[in-house]
Amino acid sequence: MHGTVKWFDSEKGFGFIIPDAGGAEVFVEYTEVHGDGFRRLVQGQRVEFDVRHTKAGPEAKGVRIEPMRRLWPDPHEL
């Protein structure tokens, strides 16, 4: 599943993702963010993740940060 980080509190280590497919916002904890170093997310960041449904609502599992996309062409490729 893909989505966009709505907000993430780095001090508390959690936040929410808005899924591209719609539906409920998905809770995410820093322990589920893959990567080296300090695991945090930034508002507006694109992510790929799996979802586990719990009594409290959907939770993100195995969150992977998507590479940034270019907004303009690379001048070397023109």
C-alpha atoms as a PDB file:
ATOM      1  CA  MET A   1       0.000   0.000   0.000  1.00  0.00           C
ATOM      2  CA  HIS A   2       1.166   3.563  -0.673  1.00  0.00           C
ATOM      3  CA  GLY A   3       0.399   6.795   1.137  1.00  0.00           C
ATOM      4  CA  THR A   4       1.526  10.194   2.390  1.00  0.00           C
ATOM      5  CA  VAL A   5       2.644  11.042   5.912  1.00  0.00           C
ATOM      6  CA  LYS A   6      -0.002  13.313   7.484  1.00  0.00           C
ATOM      7  CA  TRP A   7       2.141  14.093  10.538  1.00  0.00           C
ATOM      8  CA  PHE A   8       4.841  12.451  12.630  1.00  0.00           C
ATOM      9  CA  ASP A   9       6.024  13.476  16.112  1.00  0.00           C
ATOM     10  CA  SER A  10       9.743  12.617  16.252  1.00  0.00           C
ATOM     11  CA  GLU A  11       9.905  13.098  20.027  1.00  0.00           C
ATOM     12  CA  LYS A  12       7.034  10.703  20.721  1.00  0.00           C
ATOM     13  CA  GLY A  13       7.884   8.389  17.821  1.00  0.00           C
ATOM     14  CA  PHE A  14       4.506   8.071  16.134  1.00  0.00           C
ATOM     15  CA  GLY A  15       2.185   9.669  13.596  1.00  0.00           C
ATOM     16  CA  PHE A  16      -0.343   8.960  10.870  1.00  0.00           C
ATOM     17  CA  ILE A  17      -0.302   8.091   7.164  1.00  0.00           C
ATOM     18  CA  ILE A  18      -3.068   8.936   4.676  1.00  0.00           C
ATOM     19  CA  PRO A  19      -3.476   5.930   2.344  1.00  0.00           C
ATOM     20  CA  ASP A  20      -3.700   6.637  -1.402  1.00  0.00           C
ATOM     21  CA  ALA A  21      -6.604   4.181  -1.644  1.00  0.00           C
ATOM     22  CA  GLY A  22      -8.626   6.241   0.838  1.00  0.00           C
ATOM     23  CA  GLY A  23     -10.168   5.021   4.050  1.00  0.00           C
ATOM     24  CA  ALA A  24      -9.057   5.510   7.628  1.00  0.00           C
ATOM     25  CA  GLU A  25      -5.747   7.147   8.500  1.00  0.00           C
ATOM     26  CA  VAL A  26      -3.097   4.593   9.449  1.00  0.00           C
ATOM     27  CA  PHE A  27      -1.186   4.819  12.741  1.00  0.00           C
ATOM     28  CA  VAL A  28       2.608   4.428  12.440  1.00  0.00           C
ATOM     29  CA  GLU A  29       5.323   3.958  15.090  1.00  0.00           C
ATOM     30  CA  TYR A  30       9.019   4.668  14.533  1.00  0.00           C
ATOM     31  CA  THR A  31       9.856   0.993  15.132  1.00  0.00           C
ATOM     32  CA  GLU A  32       8.120   0.149  11.831  1.00  0.00           C
ATOM     33  CA  VAL A  33      10.169   2.596   9.715  1.00  0.00           C
ATOM     34  CA  HIS A  34      12.889   0.777   7.761  1.00  0.00           C
ATOM     35  CA  GLY A  35      16.236   2.488   7.330  1.00  0.00           C
ATOM     36  CA  ASP A  36      19.567   3.315   8.880  1.00  0.00           C
ATOM     37  CA  GLY A  37      20.039   5.809  11.677  1.00  0.00           C
ATOM     38  CA  PHE A  38      17.220   7.702  13.351  1.00  0.00           C
ATOM     39  CA  ARG A  39      13.915   6.333  12.086  1.00  0.00           C
ATOM     40  CA  ARG A  40      11.514   9.197  11.530  1.00  0.00           C
ATOM     41  CA  LEU A  41       9.080  10.439   8.936  1.00  0.00           C
ATOM     42  CA  VAL A  42       8.325  13.920   7.644  1.00  0.00           C
ATOM     43  CA  GLN A  43       4.948  15.463   6.816  1.00  0.00           C
ATOM     44  CA  GLY A  44       4.216  15.043   3.099  1.00  0.00           C
ATOM     45  CA  GLN A  45       6.726  12.218   2.664  1.00  0.00           C
ATOM     46  CA  ARG A  46       5.668   9.357   0.389  1.00  0.00           C
ATOM     47  CA  VAL A  47       5.797   5.862   1.888  1.00  0.00           C
ATOM     48  CA  GLU A  48       4.989   2.253   1.065  1.00  0.00           C
ATOM     49  CA  PHE A  49       3.713   0.040   3.864  1.00  0.00           C
ATOM     50  CA  ASP A  50       1.690  -2.975   4.909  1.00  0.00           C
ATOM     51  CA  VAL A  51      -1.351  -2.675   7.169  1.00  0.00           C
ATOM     52  CA  ARG A  52      -2.330  -4.665  10.238  1.00  0.00           C
ATOM     53  CA  HIS A  53      -5.895  -4.207  11.447  1.00  0.00           C
ATOM     54  CA  THR A  54      -6.234  -3.942  15.229  1.00  0.00           C
ATOM     55  CA  LYS A  55      -9.061  -3.121  17.638  1.00  0.00           C
ATOM     56  CA  ALA A  56      -7.708   0.446  17.833  1.00  0.00           C
ATOM     57  CA  GLY A  57      -7.655   0.788  14.030  1.00  0.00           C
ATOM     58  CA  PRO A  58      -5.210   0.216  11.167  1.00  0.00           C
ATOM     59  CA  GLU A  59      -1.468   0.204  11.949  1.00  0.00           C
ATOM     60  CA  ALA A  60       1.389   0.505   9.456  1.00  0.00           C
ATOM     61  CA  LYS A  61       3.933  -2.321   9.342  1.00  0.00           C
ATOM     62  CA  GLY A  62       7.235  -2.414   7.440  1.00  0.00           C
ATOM     63  CA  VAL A  63       7.185   1.251   6.378  1.00  0.00           C
ATOM     64  CA  ARG A  64       9.540   2.018   3.482  1.00  0.00           C
ATOM     65  CA  ILE A  65      10.276   5.576   2.406  1.00  0.00           C
ATOM     66  CA  GLU A  66       9.758   6.063  -1.332  1.00  0.00           C
ATOM     67  CA  PRO A  67      12.561   7.725  -3.285  1.00  0.00           C
ATOM     68  CA  MET A  68      11.962  11.366  -4.111  1.00  0.00           C
ATOM     69  CA  ARG A  69      10.642  12.046  -7.604  1.00  0.00           C
ATOM     70  CA  ARG A  70      12.077  14.755  -9.806  1.00  0.00           C
ATOM     71  CA  LEU A  71       9.797  17.702 -10.398  1.00  0.00           C
ATOM     72  CA  TRP A  72      11.800  18.871 -13.410  1.00  0.00           C
ATOM     73  CA  PRO A  73      13.961  17.111 -16.011  1.00  0.00           C
ATOM     74  CA  ASP A  74      17.637  16.493 -15.364  1.00  0.00           C
ATOM     75  CA  PRO A  75      19.529  19.027 -17.553  1.00  0.00           C
ATOM     76  CA  HIS A  76      22.060  16.304 -18.407  1.00  0.00           C
ATOM     77  CA  GLU A  77      19.285  14.205 -19.941  1.00  0.00           C
ATOM     78  CA  LEU A  78      18.021  16.950 -22.296  1.00  0.00           C
END
